[in-house]
Amino acid sequence: MDYQDLWPLIQQDILGCLLADAIIGARVGVAVEPGDIEDALNRKVQMAIGPGLDGLMGIGFLVLPIEEASDENANMPGGPLKLTILVQFVENVTLNRGPRGTMLPCRVWTALAEKLLKLYTPVGLTQSLVPSQPTIYEFTPDRDTNLRVGQLKFTASEADFRPFLRVARPQIVVSGSVVAAITPNSYQLTGTATVLVKATADSVWYTVDGSHPREGNAQATLYTGAPVNITQPCLFRARAFTRNQSGSDTAAANFWN
């Protein structure tokens, strides 16, 4: 299946959106990588509060990696994930209120960014960013009381460029020397049974030992369309697959003497 990791693209797209603004774009924006250690994060904070394009310093922003996702509709197979998106504006109060600072407090920059992002739909999302409640949360980190952080929190639904769709369950057609039992899909062997599998798929795999029918299972056989003869008691199982979809539910027929 052809997939692309969209989360870093969404993060970079949000960073680019903010940098494209005539006002916020004068500040330094930095993308935080997943798993950044504290030293690396501190370096990025120092970079963000450094001189911007206008020569002013004291405040910049970080676009955090997307690391929180939830499935809003568990009954929809392969449905889009709800992603949580965080942006932090970091203010060094001393620098920002000094002669080389922007003189605008963190809350002003954060509020402007909120208005911009509420109108923007990043690449790889099915909808515009939805503000959380509250959208803006300001705090002072314990490690540095001279810093002020304004955090923006949004959610949005991930786009499914390759949606998972369940393939139809194969149909097992049994003929030959068998007697159908009262139990569904159960047959008593009186000789040789013939099994045909009908499916709309790129491939169908089957097993006769009760194991899962799939490519990579040494006990599984690729179904070619030719009849399969059953002479001994077994559990015949078949599953259909396509290249761009998830596999089907498993079809089964039980044979006994």
Protein backbone atom coordinates (compact mmCIF):
# COMPACT_ATOMS: atom_id res chain seq x y z
CA MET A 1 0.00 0.00 0.00
CA ASP A 2 1.37 3.39 -0.98
CA TYR A 3 1.53 5.60 2.10
CA GLN A 4 3.18 8.85 3.08
CA ASP A 5 3.76 10.11 6.61
CA LEU A 6 1.60 13.23 6.57
CA TRP A 7 2.23 14.41 10.12
CA PRO A 8 5.63 16.06 9.46
CA LEU A 9 4.16 17.67 6.32
CA ILE A 10 1.32 19.16 8.35
CA GLN A 11 3.80 20.48 10.92
CA GLN A 12 5.96 22.09 8.23
CA ASP A 13 2.88 23.52 6.49
CA ILE A 14 1.73 25.25 9.70
CA LEU A 15 5.23 26.63 10.17
CA GLY A 16 5.20 27.95 6.59
CA CYS A 17 1.75 29.51 7.05
CA LEU A 18 2.90 31.54 10.04
CA LEU A 19 6.19 32.54 8.43
CA ALA A 20 4.29 33.77 5.36
CA ASP A 21 2.43 36.35 7.41
CA ALA A 22 3.79 39.89 7.10
CA ILE A 23 3.86 40.42 10.89
CA ILE A 24 4.49 37.01 12.45
CA GLY A 25 6.87 36.14 9.61
CA ALA A 26 9.35 38.67 10.99
CA ARG A 27 9.80 36.45 14.04
CA VAL A 28 11.87 33.27 14.14
CA GLY A 29 9.84 30.07 13.75
CA VAL A 30 11.31 26.65 14.53
CA ALA A 31 9.91 23.13 14.10
CA VAL A 32 10.47 20.84 17.08
CA GLU A 33 11.33 17.27 16.12
CA PRO A 34 9.74 14.28 17.85
CA GLY A 35 11.96 13.12 20.68
CA ASP A 36 14.06 16.29 20.85
CA ILE A 37 16.11 16.07 24.05
CA GLU A 38 16.12 18.96 26.51
CA ASP A 39 19.40 20.40 25.22
CA ALA A 40 18.12 20.45 21.64
CA LEU A 41 14.84 22.01 22.75
CA ASN A 42 16.67 24.70 24.73
CA ARG A 43 18.75 25.54 21.66
CA LYS A 44 15.61 25.93 19.57
CA VAL A 45 14.04 28.18 22.21
CA GLN A 46 17.15 30.38 22.19
CA MET A 47 17.02 30.47 18.40
CA ALA A 48 13.33 31.45 18.44
CA ILE A 49 13.83 34.39 20.79
CA GLY A 50 16.83 35.66 18.81
CA PRO A 51 16.79 38.51 16.27
CA GLY A 52 14.06 38.28 13.64
CA LEU A 53 13.99 39.64 10.12
CA ASP A 54 13.24 43.09 11.53
CA GLY A 55 16.24 42.94 13.88
CA LEU A 56 14.02 42.78 16.95
CA MET A 57 14.28 39.96 19.46
CA GLY A 58 12.74 38.48 22.54
CA ILE A 59 9.91 36.41 21.09
CA GLY A 60 9.52 33.64 18.52
CA PHE A 61 7.51 30.47 18.06
CA LEU A 62 7.82 26.71 18.02
CA VAL A 63 5.63 24.33 16.01
CA LEU A 64 5.49 21.14 18.04
CA PRO A 65 5.38 17.69 16.41
CA ILE A 66 2.00 16.00 16.10
CA GLU A 67 2.09 13.26 18.71
CA GLU A 68 -1.53 12.96 19.82
CA ALA A 69 -4.23 11.35 17.69
CA SER A 70 -7.59 9.78 18.42
CA ASP A 71 -10.16 7.81 16.45
CA GLU A 72 -13.41 9.72 16.82
CA ASN A 73 -15.54 7.13 15.07
CA ALA A 74 -14.43 3.66 16.07
CA ASN A 75 -17.26 2.16 14.01
CA MET A 76 -15.83 3.54 10.75
CA PRO A 77 -13.10 1.17 9.54
CA GLY A 78 -10.08 3.13 8.41
CA GLY A 79 -11.68 6.48 9.18
CA PRO A 80 -9.62 9.65 9.58
CA LEU A 81 -7.78 10.36 12.82
CA LYS A 82 -8.38 13.48 14.88
CA LEU A 83 -4.99 15.15 15.34
CA THR A 84 -3.92 17.59 18.06
CA ILE A 85 -1.74 20.47 16.84
CA LEU A 86 0.28 22.67 19.18
CA VAL A 87 2.11 25.95 18.52
CA GLN A 88 4.03 27.75 21.27
CA PHE A 89 5.06 31.40 21.27
CA VAL A 90 8.01 31.84 23.63
CA GLU A 91 8.79 35.25 25.11
CA ASN A 92 11.93 36.20 26.99
CA VAL A 93 10.32 38.98 29.00
CA THR A 94 13.56 40.88 29.65
CA LEU A 95 14.67 40.87 26.01
CA ASN A 96 11.21 41.48 24.53
CA ARG A 97 10.50 44.50 26.76
CA GLY A 98 14.03 45.91 26.27
CA PRO A 99 15.25 48.42 23.67
CA ARG A 100 15.83 45.70 21.04
CA GLY A 101 12.59 43.84 21.80
CA THR A 102 9.28 43.87 19.95
CA MET A 103 7.58 45.55 22.95
CA LEU A 104 4.49 43.41 22.26
CA PRO A 105 3.68 40.81 24.93
CA CYS A 106 3.31 37.13 24.19
CA ARG A 107 -0.50 37.23 24.29
CA VAL A 108 -0.63 39.67 21.36
CA TRP A 109 1.46 37.42 19.11
CA THR A 110 -0.47 34.34 20.20
CA ALA A 111 -3.84 35.96 19.50
CA LEU A 112 -2.73 37.02 16.02
CA ALA A 113 -1.52 33.51 15.24
CA GLU A 114 -4.83 32.07 16.43
CA LYS A 115 -6.75 34.24 13.96
CA LEU A 116 -4.46 33.18 11.11
CA LEU A 117 -4.61 29.48 11.84
CA LYS A 118 -8.41 29.40 12.28
CA LEU A 119 -8.68 30.38 8.61
CA TYR A 120 -6.10 27.91 7.30
CA THR A 121 -6.34 24.27 6.26
CA PRO A 122 -2.87 22.66 6.25
CA VAL A 123 -1.89 20.08 3.67
CA GLY A 124 -3.10 16.59 4.53
CA LEU A 125 -6.16 17.66 6.53
CA THR A 126 -9.81 17.36 5.56
CA GLN A 127 -10.90 20.53 7.32
CA SER A 128 -9.66 23.83 8.73
CA LEU A 129 -8.07 23.80 12.16
CA VAL A 130 -10.66 23.68 14.94
CA PRO A 131 -9.78 25.73 18.05
CA SER A 132 -9.78 23.78 21.30
CA GLN A 133 -11.36 25.14 24.46
CA PRO A 134 -9.41 27.07 25.56
CA THR A 135 -7.44 27.74 22.38
CA ILE A 136 -4.77 29.82 24.13
CA TYR A 137 -3.08 28.76 27.33
CA GLU A 138 -0.34 30.94 28.83
CA PHE A 139 2.17 29.70 31.40
CA THR A 140 5.63 30.30 32.82
CA PRO A 141 7.99 27.29 32.63
CA ASP A 142 9.32 26.15 35.98
CA ARG A 143 12.89 26.05 34.69
CA ASP A 144 12.97 29.72 33.66
CA THR A 145 10.73 32.33 35.29
CA ASN A 146 11.88 34.91 32.73
CA LEU A 147 10.10 33.01 29.96
CA ARG A 148 6.45 33.36 29.09
CA VAL A 149 4.82 30.76 26.83
CA GLY A 150 1.56 31.17 24.98
CA GLN A 151 0.38 27.82 23.65
CA LEU A 152 -2.14 27.43 20.85
CA LYS A 153 -4.09 24.18 20.63
CA PHE A 154 -6.08 23.06 17.60
CA THR A 155 -7.55 19.83 16.32
CA ALA A 156 -8.29 18.68 12.78
CA SER A 157 -9.15 15.50 10.90
CA GLU A 158 -6.42 13.79 8.95
CA ALA A 159 -7.07 13.24 5.25
CA ASP A 160 -7.28 9.66 4.02
CA PHE A 161 -5.63 9.60 0.63
CA ARG A 162 -5.69 5.79 0.69
CA PRO A 163 -8.82 4.90 2.64
CA PHE A 164 -9.10 1.45 4.13
CA LEU A 165 -12.12 -0.32 2.69
CA ARG A 166 -13.05 -3.81 3.64
CA VAL A 167 -12.95 -6.28 0.76
CA ALA A 168 -16.04 -8.45 0.39
CA ARG A 169 -15.78 -11.82 2.11
CA PRO A 170 -15.07 -14.65 -0.39
CA GLN A 171 -17.79 -17.14 -1.16
CA ILE A 172 -16.95 -20.83 -0.68
CA VAL A 173 -18.85 -23.21 -2.96
CA VAL A 174 -18.72 -26.88 -1.91
CA SER A 175 -19.71 -29.82 -4.11
CA GLY A 176 -18.82 -33.48 -4.44
CA SER A 177 -19.25 -36.30 -1.97
CA VAL A 178 -20.45 -34.38 1.07
CA VAL A 179 -23.52 -34.07 3.22
CA ALA A 180 -24.30 -30.57 4.47
CA ALA A 181 -24.76 -30.47 8.24
CA ILE A 182 -27.29 -28.39 10.14
CA THR A 183 -24.44 -26.17 11.35
CA PRO A 184 -23.73 -23.53 8.68
CA ASN A 185 -20.68 -24.14 6.50
CA SER A 186 -20.14 -27.59 7.96
CA TYR A 187 -19.95 -30.68 5.75
CA GLN A 188 -19.64 -34.41 6.37
CA LEU A 189 -17.23 -36.08 3.98
CA THR A 190 -18.46 -39.20 2.26
CA GLY A 191 -15.70 -39.13 -0.36
CA THR A 192 -13.90 -36.24 -2.07
CA ALA A 193 -15.24 -32.71 -1.69
CA THR A 194 -14.57 -30.00 -4.27
CA VAL A 195 -14.13 -26.39 -3.14
CA LEU A 196 -14.36 -23.30 -5.32
CA VAL A 197 -13.67 -19.81 -3.99
CA LYS A 198 -15.40 -16.81 -5.56
CA ALA A 199 -13.99 -13.35 -4.81
CA THR A 200 -13.40 -9.97 -6.43
CA ALA A 201 -9.81 -9.36 -5.39
CA ASP A 202 -6.21 -9.22 -6.53
CA SER A 203 -5.36 -12.36 -4.60
CA VAL A 204 -7.00 -15.03 -2.46
CA TRP A 205 -5.12 -17.19 0.03
CA TYR A 206 -6.41 -20.34 1.69
CA THR A 207 -5.35 -22.79 4.38
CA VAL A 208 -6.59 -26.24 5.45
CA ASP A 209 -4.89 -26.43 8.86
CA GLY A 210 -6.95 -23.76 10.58
CA SER A 211 -4.20 -21.11 10.43
CA HIS A 212 -4.76 -17.61 9.08
CA PRO A 213 -4.84 -17.48 5.26
CA ARG A 214 -2.36 -14.80 4.26
CA GLU A 215 0.74 -14.24 2.20
CA GLY A 216 3.80 -15.09 4.26
CA ASN A 217 2.17 -17.98 6.10
CA ALA A 218 4.05 -21.10 5.05
CA GLN A 219 0.87 -23.14 5.44
CA ALA A 220 -1.14 -20.84 3.14
CA THR A 221 -1.65 -21.44 -0.58
CA LEU A 222 -2.39 -18.85 -3.26
CA TYR A 223 -5.74 -19.70 -4.81
CA THR A 224 -5.48 -19.93 -8.61
CA GLY A 225 -9.14 -20.45 -9.43
CA ALA A 226 -8.79 -24.21 -9.86
CA PRO A 227 -10.97 -26.49 -7.70
CA VAL A 228 -9.42 -27.60 -4.38
CA ASN A 229 -10.03 -31.25 -3.49
CA ILE A 230 -10.69 -32.11 0.16
CA THR A 231 -10.32 -35.76 1.18
CA GLN A 232 -9.55 -35.46 4.91
CA PRO A 233 -11.28 -33.64 7.77
CA CYS A 234 -10.06 -30.05 7.98
CA LEU A 235 -11.04 -26.42 8.43
CA PHE A 236 -10.78 -24.70 5.05
CA ARG A 237 -10.27 -20.95 5.40
CA ALA A 238 -9.98 -18.30 2.65
CA ARG A 239 -9.33 -14.56 2.65
CA ALA A 240 -9.32 -12.02 -0.21
CA PHE A 241 -6.90 -9.10 -0.61
CA THR A 242 -6.45 -6.12 -2.91
CA ARG A 243 -3.42 -3.86 -3.27
CA ASN A 244 -5.12 -0.67 -2.08
CA GLN A 245 -7.57 -2.07 0.45
CA SER A 246 -7.50 -4.04 3.65
CA GLY A 247 -8.17 -7.74 3.52
CA SER A 248 -11.63 -9.25 3.69
CA ASP A 249 -13.20 -11.11 6.57
CA THR A 250 -12.23 -14.77 6.53
CA ALA A 251 -14.55 -17.33 4.97
CA ALA A 252 -14.48 -20.87 6.32
CA ALA A 253 -15.88 -24.34 5.75
CA ASN A 254 -15.50 -27.23 8.18
CA PHE A 255 -15.13 -30.77 6.83
CA TRP A 256 -15.52 -33.84 9.05
CA ASN A 257 -16.12 -37.58 8.74
